[in-house]
Amino acid sequence: KNKLILMQVFTSMIVLGLCFIAFVFYHIYDYKLRNADSMLSLAQVIGTNSISAIQFEDNDEANKILSDLQKGAPQVTNAATLDKKNNVFATYTKPGADVFQFSSHTLEGKNFEYAPRHLLVFNSIIDNKDTVGTVCLRANLNELATIEKTQYRMAVVILIIGISLAFLIAYFVQMYISRRILNMVHISKRAGKEGDSKTHVIDVGNDEISILAGELKDPMEQETDSQRRKNEYQVR
């Protein structure tokens, strides 16, 4: 009985666990992609608005554009506008955040990359097919941490519920299977120990247990016929 229950519960636990792991990681991966697309769009808007400031070397205007991030994009902790030579033209640091230095070597072939608990975004500023600068953003991933905790808790709760249901189902299933097997064992013992030749193994079904019942029934019927002939001989 215990083996039947453990087998079904263990199988359900593995399947549910793998499904939830795939679901959680896909959800987190999808959030990261959507967050990166959103930050890239924001960087593109900042770059478009900063073209004139870069061309006229107006640092104050470029800094003002970046300072609007405090209200429009509170998740951005650091930002910078680089000129055509990748020199820092304007910077922004959210109040209370640490200063972060954007460097040109991080721009090689990358639009965004994930650092521990932060997202780095790089978007070229293009004017008439000419690259005039780059917008760099650094956003925190506090929302991602909250989503991860929520997803993990939800997965654990549903996994516990799923395993509990699997245990209940396995319990009732094993009762049906083990009852048929134990019935054959009981009848076989009676036939062997008590010589109850009138007892037959009866099992209704079309599976392996029914086949086993049939295999046990044939020797018992043969033993019954042999006992009957022996009794008739003794009477004569």
C-alpha atoms as a PDB file:
ATOM      1  CA  LYS A   1       0.000   0.000   0.000  1.00  0.00           C
ATOM      2  CA  ASN A   2       2.709   2.425   0.993  1.00  0.00           C
ATOM      3  CA  LYS A   3       4.688   1.709  -2.159  1.00  0.00           C
ATOM      4  CA  LEU A   4       1.683   2.430  -4.354  1.00  0.00           C
ATOM      5  CA  ILE A   5       1.017   5.704  -2.536  1.00  0.00           C
ATOM      6  CA  LEU A   6       4.663   6.807  -2.571  1.00  0.00           C
ATOM      7  CA  MET A   7       5.027   5.960  -6.254  1.00  0.00           C
ATOM      8  CA  GLN A   8       2.059   8.124  -7.289  1.00  0.00           C
ATOM      9  CA  VAL A   9       2.845  10.990  -4.909  1.00  0.00           C
ATOM     10  CA  PHE A  10       6.524  11.028  -5.895  1.00  0.00           C
ATOM     11  CA  THR A  11       5.625  11.057  -9.600  1.00  0.00           C
ATOM     12  CA  SER A  12       3.130  13.887  -9.089  1.00  0.00           C
ATOM     13  CA  MET A  13       5.665  15.865  -7.055  1.00  0.00           C
ATOM     14  CA  ILE A  14       8.321  15.613  -9.781  1.00  0.00           C
ATOM     15  CA  VAL A  15       5.921  16.556 -12.577  1.00  0.00           C
ATOM     16  CA  LEU A  16       4.397  19.468 -10.674  1.00  0.00           C
ATOM     17  CA  GLY A  17       7.826  20.661  -9.548  1.00  0.00           C
ATOM     18  CA  LEU A  18       9.226  20.700 -13.075  1.00  0.00           C
ATOM     19  CA  CYS A  19       6.124  22.469 -14.403  1.00  0.00           C
ATOM     20  CA  PHE A  20       6.305  25.171 -11.743  1.00  0.00           C
ATOM     21  CA  ILE A  21      10.034  25.682 -12.240  1.00  0.00           C
ATOM     22  CA  ALA A  22       9.448  26.167 -15.976  1.00  0.00           C
ATOM     23  CA  PHE A  23       6.504  28.504 -15.312  1.00  0.00           C
ATOM     24  CA  VAL A  24       8.368  30.671 -12.779  1.00  0.00           C
ATOM     25  CA  PHE A  25      11.533  30.988 -14.851  1.00  0.00           C
ATOM     26  CA  TYR A  26       9.562  31.763 -18.015  1.00  0.00           C
ATOM     27  CA  HIS A  27       7.548  34.428 -16.194  1.00  0.00           C
ATOM     28  CA  ILE A  28      10.744  36.040 -14.848  1.00  0.00           C
ATOM     29  CA  TYR A  29      12.420  35.836 -18.264  1.00  0.00           C
ATOM     30  CA  ASP A  30       9.385  37.408 -19.938  1.00  0.00           C
ATOM     31  CA  TYR A  31       9.350  40.233 -17.368  1.00  0.00           C
ATOM     32  CA  LYS A  32      13.031  40.932 -17.984  1.00  0.00           C
ATOM     33  CA  LEU A  33      12.483  41.185 -21.743  1.00  0.00           C
ATOM     34  CA  ARG A  34       9.480  43.489 -21.348  1.00  0.00           C
ATOM     35  CA  ASN A  35      11.368  45.631 -18.850  1.00  0.00           C
ATOM     36  CA  ALA A  36      14.356  45.886 -21.188  1.00  0.00           C
ATOM     37  CA  ASP A  37      12.102  46.898 -24.110  1.00  0.00           C
ATOM     38  CA  SER A  38      10.477  49.562 -21.940  1.00  0.00           C
ATOM     39  CA  MET A  39      13.829  50.996 -20.863  1.00  0.00           C
ATOM     40  CA  LEU A  40      15.135  50.953 -24.436  1.00  0.00           C
ATOM     41  CA  SER A  41      12.081  52.913 -25.572  1.00  0.00           C
ATOM     42  CA  LEU A  42      12.662  55.423 -22.783  1.00  0.00           C
ATOM     43  CA  ALA A  43      16.327  55.745 -23.761  1.00  0.00           C
ATOM     44  CA  GLN A  44      15.291  56.333 -27.369  1.00  0.00           C
ATOM     45  CA  VAL A  45      12.960  59.175 -26.329  1.00  0.00           C
ATOM     46  CA  ILE A  46      15.698  60.748 -24.204  1.00  0.00           C
ATOM     47  CA  GLY A  47      18.136  60.449 -27.091  1.00  0.00           C
ATOM     48  CA  THR A  48      15.755  62.119 -29.540  1.00  0.00           C
ATOM     49  CA  ASN A  49      15.187  65.003 -27.116  1.00  0.00           C
ATOM     50  CA  SER A  50      18.924  65.366 -26.498  1.00  0.00           C
ATOM     51  CA  ILE A  51      20.056  65.717 -30.130  1.00  0.00           C
ATOM     52  CA  SER A  52      19.927  69.520 -30.141  1.00  0.00           C
ATOM     53  CA  ALA A  53      21.623  69.779 -26.738  1.00  0.00           C
ATOM     54  CA  ILE A  54      24.507  67.594 -27.918  1.00  0.00           C
ATOM     55  CA  GLN A  55      24.909  69.394 -31.226  1.00  0.00           C
ATOM     56  CA  PHE A  56      24.985  72.812 -29.504  1.00  0.00           C
ATOM     57  CA  GLU A  57      26.994  71.459 -26.561  1.00  0.00           C
ATOM     58  CA  ASP A  58      24.322  72.581 -24.122  1.00  0.00           C
ATOM     59  CA  ASN A  59      25.130  70.544 -21.011  1.00  0.00           C
ATOM     60  CA  ASP A  60      22.502  72.253 -18.893  1.00  0.00           C
ATOM     61  CA  GLU A  61      19.708  71.268 -21.251  1.00  0.00           C
ATOM     62  CA  ALA A  62      20.989  67.674 -21.448  1.00  0.00           C
ATOM     63  CA  ASN A  63      21.137  67.459 -17.647  1.00  0.00           C
ATOM     64  CA  LYS A  64      17.616  68.906 -17.400  1.00  0.00           C
ATOM     65  CA  ILE A  65      16.300  66.223 -19.756  1.00  0.00           C
ATOM     66  CA  LEU A  66      17.861  63.516 -17.611  1.00  0.00           C
ATOM     67  CA  SER A  67      16.585  65.062 -14.372  1.00  0.00           C
ATOM     68  CA  ASP A  68      13.009  64.532 -15.593  1.00  0.00           C
ATOM     69  CA  LEU A  69      13.603  60.822 -14.966  1.00  0.00           C
ATOM     70  CA  GLN A  70      13.029  61.408 -11.247  1.00  0.00           C
ATOM     71  CA  LYS A  71       9.321  61.890 -11.898  1.00  0.00           C
ATOM     72  CA  GLY A  72       8.789  60.000 -15.144  1.00  0.00           C
ATOM     73  CA  ALA A  73      10.858  56.886 -14.392  1.00  0.00           C
ATOM     74  CA  PRO A  74      11.535  56.471 -10.662  1.00  0.00           C
ATOM     75  CA  GLN A  75      13.054  53.019 -11.239  1.00  0.00           C
ATOM     76  CA  VAL A  76      16.020  54.646 -13.018  1.00  0.00           C
ATOM     77  CA  THR A  77      18.769  55.249 -10.477  1.00  0.00           C
ATOM     78  CA  ASN A  78      21.520  56.489 -12.804  1.00  0.00           C
ATOM     79  CA  ALA A  79      21.637  57.911 -16.310  1.00  0.00           C
ATOM     80  CA  ALA A  80      24.193  59.502 -18.575  1.00  0.00           C
ATOM     81  CA  THR A  81      24.408  61.041 -22.021  1.00  0.00           C
ATOM     82  CA  LEU A  82      27.656  60.368 -23.870  1.00  0.00           C
ATOM     83  CA  ASP A  83      28.882  62.375 -26.835  1.00  0.00           C
ATOM     84  CA  LYS A  84      30.140  61.002 -30.123  1.00  0.00           C
ATOM     85  CA  LYS A  85      33.522  60.173 -28.593  1.00  0.00           C
ATOM     86  CA  ASN A  86      31.880  58.350 -25.652  1.00  0.00           C
ATOM     87  CA  ASN A  87      32.797  61.141 -23.258  1.00  0.00           C
ATOM     88  CA  VAL A  88      30.265  61.907 -20.522  1.00  0.00           C
ATOM     89  CA  PHE A  89      28.142  64.869 -21.616  1.00  0.00           C
ATOM     90  CA  ALA A  90      25.409  64.840 -18.952  1.00  0.00           C
ATOM     91  CA  THR A  91      24.654  62.719 -15.886  1.00  0.00           C
ATOM     92  CA  TYR A  92      21.813  61.977 -13.503  1.00  0.00           C
ATOM     93  CA  THR A  93      21.757  60.205 -10.142  1.00  0.00           C
ATOM     94  CA  LYS A  94      18.526  59.600  -8.314  1.00  0.00           C
ATOM     95  CA  PRO A  95      18.509  61.171  -4.836  1.00  0.00           C
ATOM     96  CA  GLY A  96      19.679  58.602  -2.326  1.00  0.00           C
ATOM     97  CA  ALA A  97      21.258  56.339  -4.957  1.00  0.00           C
ATOM     98  CA  ASP A  98      24.946  55.579  -5.367  1.00  0.00           C
ATOM     99  CA  VAL A  99      26.940  57.232  -8.114  1.00  0.00           C
ATOM    100  CA  PHE A 100      27.564  54.960 -11.084  1.00  0.00           C
ATOM    101  CA  GLN A 101      30.151  55.526 -13.796  1.00  0.00           C
ATOM    102  CA  PHE A 102      29.178  54.502 -17.314  1.00  0.00           C
ATOM    103  CA  SER A 103      32.197  53.584 -19.435  1.00  0.00           C
ATOM    104  CA  SER A 104      32.596  53.075 -23.151  1.00  0.00           C
ATOM    105  CA  HIS A 105      33.850  49.477 -22.897  1.00  0.00           C
ATOM    106  CA  THR A 106      30.417  48.357 -21.730  1.00  0.00           C
ATOM    107  CA  LEU A 107      28.850  49.479 -25.001  1.00  0.00           C
ATOM    108  CA  GLU A 108      30.431  46.950 -27.343  1.00  0.00           C
ATOM    109  CA  GLY A 109      27.616  45.226 -29.213  1.00  0.00           C
ATOM    110  CA  LYS A 110      25.123  45.493 -26.345  1.00  0.00           C
ATOM    111  CA  ASN A 111      21.789  47.250 -26.051  1.00  0.00           C
ATOM    112  CA  PHE A 112      21.143  46.038 -22.507  1.00  0.00           C
ATOM    113  CA  GLU A 113      22.532  43.717 -19.886  1.00  0.00           C
ATOM    114  CA  TYR A 114      21.426  42.542 -16.483  1.00  0.00           C
ATOM    115  CA  ALA A 115      23.694  43.152 -13.527  1.00  0.00           C
ATOM    116  CA  PRO A 116      22.870  41.957  -9.981  1.00  0.00           C
ATOM    117  CA  ARG A 117      19.567  43.675  -9.181  1.00  0.00           C
ATOM    118  CA  HIS A 118      20.080  46.259 -11.923  1.00  0.00           C
ATOM    119  CA  LEU A 119      19.421  46.635 -15.635  1.00  0.00           C
ATOM    120  CA  LEU A 120      21.875  48.539 -17.835  1.00  0.00           C
ATOM    121  CA  VAL A 121      20.531  50.005 -21.089  1.00  0.00           C
ATOM    122  CA  PHE A 122      22.522  51.598 -23.919  1.00  0.00           C
ATOM    123  CA  ASN A 123      20.858  53.313 -26.868  1.00  0.00           C
ATOM    124  CA  SER A 124      22.619  55.191 -29.650  1.00  0.00           C
ATOM    125  CA  ILE A 125      21.497  58.725 -30.480  1.00  0.00           C
ATOM    126  CA  ILE A 126      21.168  58.912 -34.256  1.00  0.00           C
ATOM    127  CA  ASP A 127      20.589  62.058 -36.299  1.00  0.00           C
ATOM    128  CA  ASN A 128      20.285  61.636 -40.072  1.00  0.00           C
ATOM    129  CA  LYS A 129      21.984  58.227 -39.923  1.00  0.00           C
ATOM    130  CA  ASP A 130      24.866  59.744 -37.996  1.00  0.00           C
ATOM    131  CA  THR A 131      25.543  58.562 -34.421  1.00  0.00           C
ATOM    132  CA  VAL A 132      25.963  61.679 -32.290  1.00  0.00           C
ATOM    133  CA  GLY A 133      25.968  60.083 -28.855  1.00  0.00           C
ATOM    134  CA  THR A 134      24.614  57.424 -26.527  1.00  0.00           C
ATOM    135  CA  VAL A 135      22.042  57.351 -23.754  1.00  0.00           C
ATOM    136  CA  CYS A 136      22.889  55.095 -20.800  1.00  0.00           C
ATOM    137  CA  LEU A 137      20.377  54.073 -18.150  1.00  0.00           C
ATOM    138  CA  ARG A 138      20.710  52.054 -14.976  1.00  0.00           C
ATOM    139  CA  ALA A 139      17.424  50.848 -13.463  1.00  0.00           C
ATOM    140  CA  ASN A 140      16.845  48.911 -10.262  1.00  0.00           C
ATOM    141  CA  LEU A 141      15.009  45.594 -10.271  1.00  0.00           C
ATOM    142  CA  ASN A 142      13.144  45.908  -6.993  1.00  0.00           C
ATOM    143  CA  GLU A 143       9.910  45.017  -8.763  1.00  0.00           C
ATOM    144  CA  LEU A 144      11.547  41.871 -10.138  1.00  0.00           C
ATOM    145  CA  ALA A 145      12.540  40.815  -6.617  1.00  0.00           C
ATOM    146  CA  THR A 146       8.927  41.226  -5.507  1.00  0.00           C
ATOM    147  CA  ILE A 147       7.676  39.233  -8.504  1.00  0.00           C
ATOM    148  CA  GLU A 148      10.169  36.434  -7.800  1.00  0.00           C
ATOM    149  CA  LYS A 149       9.073  36.158  -4.162  1.00  0.00           C
ATOM    150  CA  THR A 150       5.407  36.131  -5.176  1.00  0.00           C
ATOM    151  CA  GLN A 151       5.958  33.497  -7.855  1.00  0.00           C
ATOM    152  CA  TYR A 152       8.010  31.257  -5.566  1.00  0.00           C
ATOM    153  CA  ARG A 153       5.446  31.470  -2.761  1.00  0.00           C
ATOM    154  CA  MET A 154       2.603  30.755  -5.169  1.00  0.00           C
ATOM    155  CA  ALA A 155       4.481  27.782  -6.624  1.00  0.00           C
ATOM    156  CA  VAL A 156       5.182  26.330  -3.158  1.00  0.00           C
ATOM    157  CA  VAL A 157       1.556  26.729  -2.026  1.00  0.00           C
ATOM    158  CA  ILE A 158       0.134  25.176  -5.195  1.00  0.00           C
ATOM    159  CA  LEU A 159       2.751  22.408  -5.047  1.00  0.00           C
ATOM    160  CA  ILE A 160       1.714  21.533  -1.488  1.00  0.00           C
ATOM    161  CA  ILE A 161      -1.952  21.517  -2.506  1.00  0.00           C
ATOM    162  CA  GLY A 162      -1.157  19.385  -5.563  1.00  0.00           C
ATOM    163  CA  ILE A 163       0.832  16.858  -3.528  1.00  0.00           C
ATOM    164  CA  SER A 164      -1.963  16.666  -0.945  1.00  0.00           C
ATOM    165  CA  LEU A 165      -4.524  15.956  -3.660  1.00  0.00           C
ATOM    166  CA  ALA A 166      -2.186  13.401  -5.228  1.00  0.00           C
ATOM    167  CA  PHE A 167      -1.873  11.676  -1.846  1.00  0.00           C
ATOM    168  CA  LEU A 168      -5.641  11.477  -1.423  1.00  0.00           C
ATOM    169  CA  ILE A 169      -6.141  10.141  -4.940  1.00  0.00           C
ATOM    170  CA  ALA A 170      -3.300   7.640  -4.492  1.00  0.00           C
ATOM    171  CA  TYR A 171      -4.778   6.502  -1.195  1.00  0.00           C
ATOM    172  CA  PHE A 172      -8.130   5.602  -2.745  1.00  0.00           C
ATOM    173  CA  VAL A 173      -6.529   4.088  -5.851  1.00  0.00           C
ATOM    174  CA  GLN A 174      -4.283   1.820  -3.800  1.00  0.00           C
ATOM    175  CA  MET A 175      -7.289   0.650  -1.803  1.00  0.00           C
ATOM    176  CA  TYR A 176      -8.847  -0.668  -5.014  1.00  0.00           C
ATOM    177  CA  ILE A 177      -5.621  -2.313  -6.219  1.00  0.00           C
ATOM    178  CA  SER A 178      -4.412  -3.737  -2.911  1.00  0.00           C
ATOM    179  CA  ARG A 179      -7.875  -5.048  -1.986  1.00  0.00           C
ATOM    180  CA  ARG A 180      -7.921  -7.268  -5.073  1.00  0.00           C
ATOM    181  CA  ILE A 181      -4.400  -8.559  -4.399  1.00  0.00           C
ATOM    182  CA  LEU A 182      -5.027  -9.161  -0.703  1.00  0.00           C
ATOM    183  CA  ASN A 183      -8.245 -10.996  -1.570  1.00  0.00           C
ATOM    184  CA  MET A 184      -6.289 -13.461  -3.716  1.00  0.00           C
ATOM    185  CA  VAL A 185      -3.685 -13.899  -0.964  1.00  0.00           C
ATOM    186  CA  HIS A 186      -6.384 -14.578   1.604  1.00  0.00           C
ATOM    187  CA  ILE A 187      -8.159 -17.146  -0.592  1.00  0.00           C
ATOM    188  CA  SER A 188      -4.865 -18.865  -1.471  1.00  0.00           C
ATOM    189  CA  LYS A 189      -3.968 -19.182   2.215  1.00  0.00           C
ATOM    190  CA  ARG A 190      -7.365 -20.651   3.039  1.00  0.00           C
ATOM    191  CA  ALA A 191      -7.074 -23.145   0.234  1.00  0.00           C
ATOM    192  CA  GLY A 192      -3.558 -24.137   1.267  1.00  0.00           C
ATOM    193  CA  LYS A 193      -3.898 -24.260   5.033  1.00  0.00           C
ATOM    194  CA  GLU A 194      -7.535 -25.146   5.590  1.00  0.00           C
ATOM    195  CA  GLY A 195      -7.996 -27.290   2.525  1.00  0.00           C
ATOM    196  CA  ASP A 196     -10.970 -25.194   1.465  1.00  0.00           C
ATOM    197  CA  SER A 197     -11.307 -26.589  -2.025  1.00  0.00           C
ATOM    198  CA  LYS A 198     -14.629 -24.888  -2.550  1.00  0.00           C
ATOM    199  CA  THR A 199     -13.058 -21.449  -2.429  1.00  0.00           C
ATOM    200  CA  HIS A 200     -12.213 -19.981  -5.802  1.00  0.00           C
ATOM    201  CA  VAL A 201     -10.213 -16.924  -6.779  1.00  0.00           C
ATOM    202  CA  ILE A 202     -12.658 -14.550  -8.422  1.00  0.00           C
ATOM    203  CA  ASP A 203     -11.498 -11.226  -9.842  1.00  0.00           C
ATOM    204  CA  VAL A 204     -13.449  -9.093 -12.269  1.00  0.00           C
ATOM    205  CA  GLY A 205     -11.345  -7.088 -14.670  1.00  0.00           C
ATOM    206  CA  ASN A 206      -9.126  -7.233 -17.692  1.00  0.00           C
ATOM    207  CA  ASP A 207      -5.667  -6.375 -16.379  1.00  0.00           C
ATOM    208  CA  GLU A 208      -2.593  -8.062 -14.931  1.00  0.00           C
ATOM    209  CA  ILE A 209      -4.295  -8.733 -11.588  1.00  0.00           C
ATOM    210  CA  SER A 210      -7.094 -10.585 -13.392  1.00  0.00           C
ATOM    211  CA  ILE A 211      -4.507 -12.650 -15.258  1.00  0.00           C
ATOM    212  CA  LEU A 212      -2.842 -13.503 -11.955  1.00  0.00           C
ATOM    213  CA  ALA A 213      -6.221 -14.505 -10.516  1.00  0.00           C
ATOM    214  CA  GLY A 214      -6.760 -16.810 -13.468  1.00  0.00           C
ATOM    215  CA  GLU A 215      -3.339 -18.394 -12.999  1.00  0.00           C
ATOM    216  CA  LEU A 216      -4.122 -19.063  -9.345  1.00  0.00           C
ATOM    217  CA  LYS A 217      -7.586 -20.359 -10.139  1.00  0.00           C
ATOM    218  CA  ASP A 218      -6.424 -23.140 -12.498  1.00  0.00           C
ATOM    219  CA  PRO A 219      -4.182 -25.000  -9.981  1.00  0.00           C
ATOM    220  CA  MET A 220      -6.859 -24.705  -7.321  1.00  0.00           C
ATOM    221  CA  GLU A 221      -9.476 -26.174  -9.635  1.00  0.00           C
ATOM    222  CA  GLN A 222      -7.093 -28.987 -10.507  1.00  0.00           C
ATOM    223  CA  GLU A 223      -6.503 -29.596  -6.822  1.00  0.00           C
ATOM    224  CA  THR A 224     -10.279 -29.627  -6.266  1.00  0.00           C
ATOM    225  CA  ASP A 225     -10.790 -32.212  -9.050  1.00  0.00           C
ATOM    226  CA  SER A 226      -7.983 -34.350  -7.654  1.00  0.00           C
ATOM    227  CA  GLN A 227      -9.479 -34.200  -4.167  1.00  0.00           C
ATOM    228  CA  ARG A 228     -12.925 -35.120  -5.524  1.00  0.00           C
ATOM    229  CA  ARG A 229     -11.603 -38.160  -7.411  1.00  0.00           C
ATOM    230  CA  LYS A 230      -9.704 -39.236  -4.300  1.00  0.00           C
ATOM    231  CA  ASN A 231     -12.859 -39.018  -2.194  1.00  0.00           C
ATOM    232  CA  GLU A 232     -14.841 -41.014  -4.793  1.00  0.00           C
ATOM    233  CA  TYR A 233     -12.152 -43.704  -4.827  1.00  0.00           C
ATOM    234  CA  GLN A 234     -12.224 -43.991  -1.042  1.00  0.00           C
ATOM    235  CA  VAL A 235     -16.029 -44.338  -1.087  1.00  0.00           C
ATOM    236  CA  ARG A 236     -15.816 -47.186  -3.572  1.00  0.00           C
END
